[in-house]
Structures are given as structure tokens and as C-alpha cells.
Amino acid sequence: MGRSFFISVLVHAVIFTAGYFGLPQMQDEFPMTETPIAIEIVTVADETNVPSRPEKVEPKPEQKEKPKPKPPPPPPPPPPPPPEPDPVEDVPEIVEPEPKPLEPKPELEPEPIPEPKPEPKKVEVKKQQPAPLPPRKPNFKPKPKEKPVDSFESVLKTLEEFKKTPPPAIEPDPELDFAKMMESALDKPTQRNDLGAEMTISEIDLVRQQIHKCWNLPAGAKDAHKMRISIRIAMNPDGRVRTARILDQGQMSANPFYRAMAESAYRAVMNPRCQPFKLPPKKYDRWKNMMLNFDPKEMFGL
């Protein structure tokens, strides 16, 4: 419905516009008529004698009539009277039964008030004083006083006992430790020995002192202070090592740290930088076979 209404309004507007602007052009043109205009000729003079225009009197505005008040609405009709109630039959009166007389309550006799008992007399009890305890005997026995010791007599007794006890016999060690001999050789100067005598410990120290310079411990050796390597060597007459053999082969195969330590000692013995050893040639039968003990704990203080 809205669409048709809009189309209808649009058509009517077009028709109205065409009629308003198009119909006057369709009519014939009327001839122009001349309209006469009245002109009053006035002479020019020194004074103006033209009568003044009358003042315009503004018309009084017409008073609008006040609208008449509307008549009041008619009062509402009175409500219809209520319908009369139907006559009710007489209801018989209900007779209430007479109340029974209440039985009189038996009077309660008051309980006899017990007489207060007389308070017993307080008997004063005498406090017995505790018997004094017998004096305790001390359990400890006094120590006998020590006699003053004569310092001179004690020194004499000590000297007598020292003279009586024989000095302990010092047994020579068949195999001296390599490190101890090295320290003694480094600290003490080597003694000059006769070429005809037997080989002494100081001469063996010279060999170990030269080997000590060529022995370098492997880095990171575990429990190096607990290891001791024994090497048996065979010497040539010119003081050079012919063969060398590590004695403890079982521990070399079982412990890799011991193997590294033993191989470092073997390299020190076979190092040509430390050879030939300075030994007396006439004692070759004594030093041609030797056994050297390498102890890192004693040598390097591990």
C-alpha cells in the first residue's frame, strides 16, 4: 500500500506542475492596455503651501471574544438500590452447657524448716617439730700428703736407668727407599770413595739424582701418593742403561693410573738426557744390575 500511494502522489505532482506552467502558454496573448495616471502640477515658491498629510490612525485591534465556558457535565445517575436480602429462616438458639464446678485444690502443708546444726568446736593441733638429722659423715677419705720430691735425686735416678738400658740395635734396611736416598743425596754432599772399595750408597744416590731430573709425574694421577714403582735395570760398562723392566706387571694391567705412573718412571730411566751415569768403571760388577724404587710421596711431597 505504501508503494502505490507514493506513485499516486508523484503522478499528481507531475500533472499539477505541467498544468501550472504549461497552460498559460497555450492561451492567446491579450493586447496591452494603457492605464492613465493623474499628475498634479505644483508651482515652485518660497513657502510651501502643501497641506500636511493626515496622520494615520492605527486601527484598534479587534478584541477577540472570549470562548464561552463549557457547560458542566451532567451528574452521574444515582446507583441502583441494593437488592433486598432474602428472608432468612429463624435460626434456633444454641444453648451452651453449664460449666462444671471446679474441684477445690488440696491445701499444701508447709515443710518444716530444719534447725541449723551447731558448728563443731575447732580443736587446735600442735605442730610437731621435725627431729634434727644426724650429721652425715664424709664419704671421701682425705688423701695423704705427698712428700716433696727432690729434683736432684730424680735426675740421678733417671741417669742411672738410662745407663742400665742398652741402646736399641739399628738393623740396616736391605732395600733403601729411592726417594729418601734422593733427598739425602741432594741435601748432603757426595763423599769421595776409593775406587778399589765396594759400591756405597752415595754412589747409588748419584744415579737416582740424575734420574730425578728426568722424571715428570703425569697430570691428574689418582692416588699418586699411594703408589710405589720398582724397576730393575741392567747397565753397560760406559754407564748407560741397557735394559729396564717394571716388576709389578699385574698392577699395570689392572690400574690405568699405576700404569701411567710406571711408564713415566720407565721413561725417566731410559731418557738419554740423563745418561751416562757417573759410576766408577772398576766397580762395574757391583752396579751392572740395580733395582730402583720410585716413590712420589717421598720425592715430591704428595
Protein backbone atom coordinates (compact mmCIF):
# COMPACT_ATOMS: atom_id res chain seq x y z
CA MET A 1 0.00 0.00 0.00
CA GLY A 2 2.83 2.46 0.75
CA ARG A 3 4.39 1.95 -2.68
CA SER A 4 1.13 2.62 -4.62
CA PHE A 5 0.44 5.71 -2.50
CA PHE A 6 3.88 7.12 -3.27
CA ILE A 7 3.39 6.53 -7.05
CA SER A 8 -0.03 8.22 -6.97
CA VAL A 9 1.36 11.31 -5.20
CA LEU A 10 4.22 11.53 -7.71
CA VAL A 11 1.84 11.36 -10.74
CA HIS A 12 -0.43 14.05 -9.30
CA ALA A 13 2.53 16.34 -8.67
CA VAL A 14 3.71 15.98 -12.27
CA ILE A 15 0.24 16.77 -13.63
CA PHE A 16 -0.12 19.81 -11.37
CA THR A 17 3.30 21.19 -12.38
CA ALA A 18 2.58 20.75 -16.09
CA GLY A 19 -0.78 22.46 -15.78
CA TYR A 20 0.59 25.39 -13.79
CA PHE A 21 3.50 26.19 -16.11
CA GLY A 22 2.19 24.90 -19.45
CA LEU A 23 -1.46 26.02 -19.66
CA PRO A 24 -0.77 29.83 -19.69
CA GLN A 25 1.47 29.47 -22.73
CA MET A 26 -1.24 27.63 -24.60
CA GLN A 27 -3.63 30.63 -24.29
CA ASP A 28 -3.62 33.54 -26.73
CA GLU A 29 -1.77 36.73 -25.76
CA PHE A 30 -4.08 39.59 -24.78
CA PRO A 31 -3.34 43.12 -26.09
CA MET A 32 -1.67 45.52 -23.65
CA THR A 33 -3.97 48.31 -22.43
CA GLU A 34 -2.69 51.75 -21.34
CA THR A 35 -3.52 52.77 -17.81
CA PRO A 36 -4.00 56.59 -17.30
CA ILE A 37 -2.02 58.21 -14.46
CA ALA A 38 -3.20 61.51 -12.89
CA ILE A 39 -0.44 64.14 -12.45
CA GLU A 40 -0.82 67.33 -10.39
CA ILE A 41 1.32 70.31 -11.39
CA VAL A 42 2.59 72.46 -8.47
CA THR A 43 4.33 75.81 -8.81
CA VAL A 44 7.63 76.39 -7.03
CA ALA A 45 7.50 79.21 -4.44
CA ASP A 46 9.42 80.44 -1.38
CA GLU A 47 6.99 78.89 1.05
CA THR A 48 5.43 75.51 0.94
CA ASN A 49 1.68 75.51 0.92
CA VAL A 50 1.26 71.82 0.53
CA PRO A 51 -1.21 70.55 3.08
CA SER A 52 0.24 68.12 5.56
CA ARG A 53 -0.76 64.60 5.28
CA PRO A 54 -3.23 63.39 7.77
CA GLU A 55 -1.80 61.19 10.44
CA LYS A 56 -2.61 57.62 10.02
CA VAL A 57 -4.79 56.27 12.70
CA GLU A 58 -3.81 52.80 13.59
CA PRO A 59 -6.83 50.58 13.75
CA LYS A 60 -7.55 49.23 17.15
CA PRO A 61 -7.11 45.53 17.36
CA GLU A 62 -10.34 43.76 17.50
CA GLN A 63 -10.88 42.12 20.79
CA LYS A 64 -11.38 38.50 20.43
CA GLU A 65 -14.42 37.17 22.03
CA LYS A 66 -13.67 35.06 24.98
CA PRO A 67 -14.73 31.48 24.47
CA LYS A 68 -17.78 30.60 26.37
CA PRO A 69 -17.20 28.19 29.20
CA LYS A 70 -18.25 24.69 28.51
CA PRO A 71 -21.33 23.57 30.31
CA PRO A 72 -20.58 21.28 33.22
CA PRO A 73 -21.09 17.61 32.55
CA PRO A 74 -24.34 16.15 33.77
CA PRO A 75 -24.14 14.47 37.13
CA PRO A 76 -23.82 10.69 37.06
CA PRO A 77 -27.01 8.75 37.56
CA PRO A 78 -27.60 7.55 41.09
CA PRO A 79 -26.55 3.94 41.73
CA PRO A 80 -29.31 1.41 41.75
CA PRO A 81 -30.55 0.45 45.17
CA PRO A 82 -29.06 -2.76 46.55
CA PRO A 83 -31.27 -5.81 46.24
CA GLU A 84 -33.15 -6.72 49.30
CA PRO A 85 -31.76 -9.80 51.05
CA ASP A 86 -33.76 -12.95 51.07
CA PRO A 87 -35.65 -13.55 54.23
CA VAL A 88 -33.70 -15.86 56.49
CA GLU A 89 -35.45 -18.51 58.44
CA ASP A 90 -35.23 -18.26 62.17
CA VAL A 91 -32.12 -19.99 63.45
CA PRO A 92 -32.61 -21.93 66.64
CA GLU A 93 -30.66 -20.55 69.52
CA ILE A 94 -27.68 -22.62 70.63
CA VAL A 95 -27.82 -23.45 74.29
CA GLU A 96 -24.34 -23.57 75.87
CA PRO A 97 -23.83 -26.28 78.54
CA GLU A 98 -23.30 -25.10 82.03
CA PRO A 99 -19.67 -25.29 83.20
CA LYS A 100 -18.77 -27.91 85.78
CA PRO A 101 -17.77 -26.63 89.15
CA LEU A 102 -14.01 -26.78 89.78
CA GLU A 103 -12.80 -29.19 92.44
CA PRO A 104 -11.09 -27.43 95.29
CA LYS A 105 -7.31 -27.95 95.35
CA PRO A 106 -5.94 -29.60 98.48
CA GLU A 107 -4.04 -27.19 100.61
CA LEU A 108 -0.31 -27.93 100.81
CA GLU A 109 1.18 -28.03 104.24
CA PRO A 110 4.40 -26.01 104.55
CA GLU A 111 7.55 -28.09 105.00
CA PRO A 112 9.18 -27.77 108.39
CA ILE A 113 12.31 -25.64 108.33
CA PRO A 114 15.30 -27.69 109.60
CA GLU A 115 17.05 -26.21 112.55
CA PRO A 116 20.72 -25.24 111.92
CA LYS A 117 23.22 -27.68 113.34
CA PRO A 118 25.64 -26.32 115.88
CA GLU A 119 29.14 -25.79 114.48
CA PRO A 120 31.71 -28.23 115.91
CA LYS A 121 34.39 -26.72 118.03
CA LYS A 122 37.78 -26.43 116.41
CA VAL A 123 40.46 -28.47 118.08
CA GLU A 124 43.88 -26.87 117.94
CA VAL A 125 46.50 -29.33 116.71
CA LYS A 126 50.01 -28.68 117.84
CA LYS A 127 52.61 -28.95 115.12
CA GLN A 128 55.40 -31.36 115.90
CA GLN A 129 58.82 -30.02 115.18
CA PRO A 130 60.94 -32.39 112.99
CA ALA A 131 63.73 -34.13 114.78
CA PRO A 132 67.19 -32.85 113.81
CA LEU A 133 69.00 -35.08 111.31
CA PRO A 134 72.20 -36.72 112.45
CA PRO A 135 75.33 -35.21 110.91
CA ARG A 136 76.50 -37.06 107.78
CA LYS A 137 79.96 -38.45 107.67
CA PRO A 138 82.00 -37.55 104.60
CA ASN A 139 82.37 -40.47 102.16
CA PHE A 140 85.72 -39.41 100.74
CA LYS A 141 88.92 -40.11 102.55
CA PRO A 142 91.50 -37.38 102.73
CA LYS A 143 94.48 -38.07 100.53
CA PRO A 144 97.76 -38.41 102.28
CA LYS A 145 100.02 -35.52 101.72
CA GLU A 146 102.66 -36.21 99.14
CA LYS A 147 106.20 -35.84 100.16
CA PRO A 148 108.13 -33.13 98.31
CA VAL A 149 110.24 -34.68 95.56
CA ASP A 150 113.82 -33.72 95.43
CA SER A 151 114.61 -32.70 91.84
CA PHE A 152 118.29 -33.60 92.16
CA GLU A 153 117.53 -37.17 93.28
CA SER A 154 115.06 -37.68 90.39
CA VAL A 155 117.69 -36.58 87.88
CA LEU A 156 120.18 -39.05 89.32
CA LYS A 157 117.67 -41.90 89.13
CA THR A 158 116.89 -41.07 85.51
CA LEU A 159 120.58 -41.13 84.61
CA GLU A 160 121.06 -44.50 86.31
CA GLU A 161 118.11 -46.01 84.43
CA PHE A 162 119.39 -44.59 81.14
CA LYS A 163 122.80 -46.19 81.73
CA LYS A 164 121.27 -49.56 82.56
CA THR A 165 119.07 -49.74 79.41
CA PRO A 166 121.12 -50.81 76.35
CA PRO A 167 120.70 -48.75 73.15
CA PRO A 168 118.35 -50.31 70.51
CA ALA A 169 120.11 -52.16 67.75
CA ILE A 170 119.71 -50.49 64.34
CA GLU A 171 119.19 -53.08 61.62
CA PRO A 172 120.21 -51.92 58.13
CA ASP A 173 117.40 -51.96 55.57
CA PRO A 174 118.30 -54.22 52.62
CA GLU A 175 116.46 -52.01 50.10
CA LEU A 176 116.61 -48.32 50.86
CA ASP A 177 113.72 -46.23 49.57
CA PHE A 178 114.50 -44.33 46.38
CA ALA A 179 113.00 -41.02 47.47
CA LYS A 180 114.75 -40.99 50.88
CA MET A 181 118.09 -41.66 49.26
CA MET A 182 117.40 -38.92 46.73
CA GLU A 183 116.71 -36.39 49.49
CA SER A 184 119.84 -37.39 51.41
CA ALA A 185 121.89 -37.13 48.22
CA LEU A 186 120.52 -33.68 47.43
CA ASP A 187 120.92 -32.35 50.98
CA LYS A 188 124.38 -33.81 51.74
CA PRO A 189 127.47 -33.59 49.51
CA THR A 190 128.65 -36.85 47.99
CA GLN A 191 131.63 -38.47 49.70
CA ARG A 192 134.72 -39.45 47.78
CA ASN A 193 135.26 -43.20 47.82
CA ASP A 194 138.20 -45.29 46.97
CA LEU A 195 137.90 -46.91 43.55
CA GLY A 196 139.02 -50.25 44.96
CA ALA A 197 136.32 -50.38 47.66
CA GLU A 198 132.76 -51.69 47.23
CA MET A 199 129.95 -49.56 45.83
CA THR A 200 128.45 -47.30 48.52
CA ILE A 201 125.01 -45.74 48.99
CA SER A 202 126.24 -42.30 47.96
CA GLU A 203 127.19 -43.63 44.53
CA ILE A 204 123.70 -45.06 44.04
CA ASP A 205 122.32 -41.67 45.10
CA LEU A 206 124.22 -40.07 42.23
CA VAL A 207 122.36 -42.30 39.79
CA ARG A 208 119.00 -41.50 41.35
CA GLN A 209 119.77 -37.80 41.46
CA GLN A 210 120.27 -37.80 37.69
CA ILE A 211 117.07 -39.81 37.11
CA HIS A 212 115.11 -37.43 39.36
CA LYS A 213 115.75 -34.56 36.96
CA CYS A 214 114.17 -36.54 34.10
CA TRP A 215 111.12 -37.86 35.98
CA ASN A 216 107.88 -35.89 35.39
CA LEU A 217 104.70 -37.09 37.09
CA PRO A 218 101.64 -37.45 34.80
CA ALA A 219 99.00 -34.76 35.33
CA GLY A 220 95.88 -35.85 37.22
CA ALA A 221 97.33 -39.10 38.55
CA LYS A 222 94.85 -40.51 41.09
CA ASP A 223 96.26 -41.71 44.45
CA ALA A 224 99.82 -40.96 43.34
CA HIS A 225 100.97 -40.74 46.96
CA LYS A 226 99.99 -44.41 47.49
CA MET A 227 101.96 -45.80 44.54
CA ARG A 228 105.49 -47.22 44.54
CA ILE A 229 107.18 -48.37 41.32
CA SER A 230 110.12 -50.79 41.32
CA ILE A 231 112.28 -51.04 38.17
CA ARG A 232 115.18 -53.48 37.64
CA ILE A 233 117.84 -52.14 35.26
CA ALA A 234 120.93 -53.61 33.55
CA MET A 235 123.84 -51.25 32.90
CA ASN A 236 126.58 -51.12 30.26
CA PRO A 237 130.22 -50.52 31.29
CA ASP A 238 130.03 -46.97 29.89
CA GLY A 239 127.29 -46.05 32.42
CA ARG A 240 124.32 -46.26 30.03
CA VAL A 241 121.18 -48.32 30.66
CA ARG A 242 120.98 -51.46 28.55
CA THR A 243 117.57 -52.81 29.65
CA ALA A 244 114.92 -51.83 32.19
CA ARG A 245 111.86 -53.79 33.37
CA ILE A 246 108.92 -52.82 35.60
CA LEU A 247 108.42 -55.54 38.20
CA ASP A 248 104.70 -55.23 39.09
CA GLN A 249 103.12 -56.12 35.73
CA GLY A 250 99.82 -57.28 37.27
CA GLN A 251 99.02 -53.87 38.74
CA MET A 252 99.98 -52.21 35.48
CA SER A 253 97.28 -54.12 33.60
CA ALA A 254 94.66 -53.61 36.35
CA ASN A 255 95.17 -49.95 37.32
CA PRO A 256 95.48 -47.37 34.49
CA PHE A 257 96.78 -44.69 36.91
CA TYR A 258 99.54 -47.00 38.13
CA ARG A 259 100.36 -47.84 34.52
CA ALA A 260 100.77 -44.13 33.65
CA MET A 261 102.96 -43.58 36.73
CA ALA A 262 105.16 -46.63 35.98
CA GLU A 263 105.61 -45.64 32.34
CA SER A 264 106.73 -42.14 33.40
CA ALA A 265 109.37 -43.71 35.71
CA TYR A 266 110.48 -46.03 32.90
CA ARG A 267 110.89 -43.07 30.54
CA ALA A 268 113.00 -41.28 33.17
CA VAL A 269 115.35 -44.29 33.41
CA MET A 270 115.68 -44.61 29.62
CA ASN A 271 115.98 -40.87 28.94
CA PRO A 272 119.31 -40.27 27.10
CA ARG A 273 119.44 -36.74 28.50
CA CYS A 274 120.27 -38.18 31.95
CA GLN A 275 122.88 -40.71 30.70
CA PRO A 276 125.61 -41.87 31.01
CA PHE A 277 125.55 -42.27 34.78
CA LYS A 278 128.66 -41.21 36.68
CA LEU A 279 129.84 -44.51 38.22
CA PRO A 280 133.33 -45.92 38.85
CA PRO A 281 134.20 -48.31 35.99
CA LYS A 282 136.25 -50.60 38.26
CA LYS A 283 133.09 -51.41 40.25
CA TYR A 284 131.08 -52.47 37.19
CA ASP A 285 130.39 -55.90 38.71
CA ARG A 286 128.60 -54.12 41.59
CA TRP A 287 126.41 -51.72 39.66
CA LYS A 288 125.78 -53.56 36.39
CA ASN A 289 122.43 -54.81 37.85
CA MET A 290 120.42 -52.47 40.07
CA MET A 291 116.82 -52.12 41.32
CA LEU A 292 115.44 -48.59 41.74
CA ASN A 293 112.30 -47.73 43.78
CA PHE A 294 110.27 -44.68 42.70
CA ASP A 295 108.06 -43.22 45.50
CA PRO A 296 106.23 -39.94 44.54
CA LYS A 297 105.13 -39.28 48.12
CA GLU A 298 108.66 -39.02 49.45
CA MET A 299 110.14 -37.39 46.36
CA PHE A 300 107.56 -34.68 45.57
CA GLY A 301 105.82 -34.38 48.95
CA LEU A 302 102.38 -35.57 47.70
